[in-house]
Amino acid sequence: MTERGGEPWAMPDRITLYKEPILQMCSTRDEVVEQVTITVVHEVAHFFGIDDATLHRLGWG
């Protein structure tokens, strides 16, 4: 996204990671690190307009 709405009160974009679901799906510290990395890259890519199909094709699905 190169432009935002003109609201002067708009908060910056934020990525929220939920600890418990990530810990439930991972069994090692390395898996947690990998999942957090994938999630952050995935969400930042959406900010720049990259869709899910492209992310999956690139291995960040």
Protein backbone atom coordinates (compact mmCIF):
# COMPACT_ATOMS: atom_id res chain seq x y z
CA MET A 1 0.00 0.00 0.00
CA THR A 2 1.42 3.33 -0.96
CA GLU A 3 -1.43 5.49 0.36
CA ARG A 4 -3.58 5.47 3.47
CA GLY A 5 -6.83 7.10 4.37
CA GLY A 6 -6.63 10.73 5.33
CA GLU A 7 -7.71 10.25 8.95
CA PRO A 8 -5.20 12.05 11.20
CA TRP A 9 -6.20 9.75 14.09
CA ALA A 10 -5.52 6.48 12.22
CA MET A 11 -3.28 4.12 14.12
CA PRO A 12 -0.32 2.48 12.36
CA ASP A 13 -0.77 -1.05 11.08
CA ARG A 14 0.03 -3.76 13.57
CA ILE A 15 0.68 -7.50 13.41
CA THR A 16 -0.59 -9.40 16.44
CA LEU A 17 0.84 -12.82 17.19
CA TYR A 18 -1.12 -15.07 19.52
CA LYS A 19 1.24 -16.99 21.75
CA GLU A 20 -0.94 -19.92 22.83
CA PRO A 21 -2.07 -21.09 19.35
CA ILE A 22 1.52 -20.89 18.10
CA LEU A 23 2.81 -22.87 21.08
CA GLN A 24 0.03 -25.46 20.62
CA MET A 25 0.95 -26.09 16.98
CA CYS A 26 4.72 -26.25 17.58
CA SER A 27 6.64 -28.79 19.59
CA THR A 28 10.12 -27.24 19.62
CA ARG A 29 11.65 -23.80 19.99
CA ASP A 30 12.90 -23.99 16.40
CA GLU A 31 9.36 -24.65 15.15
CA VAL A 32 8.10 -21.61 17.10
CA VAL A 33 10.81 -19.42 15.55
CA GLU A 34 9.95 -20.74 12.07
CA GLN A 35 6.20 -20.22 12.55
CA VAL A 36 6.66 -16.68 13.85
CA THR A 37 8.94 -15.87 10.90
CA ILE A 38 6.42 -17.27 8.40
CA THR A 39 3.54 -15.37 10.02
CA VAL A 40 5.36 -12.02 10.10
CA VAL A 41 6.62 -12.33 6.50
CA HIS A 42 3.14 -13.39 5.37
CA GLU A 43 1.43 -10.41 7.03
CA VAL A 44 4.02 -7.86 5.90
CA ALA A 45 3.62 -9.19 2.35
CA HIS A 46 -0.15 -8.59 2.58
CA PHE A 47 0.59 -5.00 3.61
CA PHE A 48 2.48 -4.60 0.34
CA GLY A 49 -0.40 -6.12 -1.64
CA ILE A 50 0.85 -9.67 -2.18
CA ASP A 51 -2.05 -12.13 -2.21
CA ASP A 52 -2.30 -15.58 -0.60
CA ALA A 53 -1.88 -17.46 -3.88
CA THR A 54 1.43 -15.73 -4.55
CA LEU A 55 2.59 -16.24 -0.96
CA HIS A 56 1.80 -19.96 -1.16
CA ARG A 57 3.66 -20.22 -4.47
CA LEU A 58 6.68 -18.54 -2.87
CA GLY A 59 6.58 -20.86 0.15
CA TRP A 60 5.24 -18.30 2.66
CA GLY A 61 1.67 -19.63 2.76
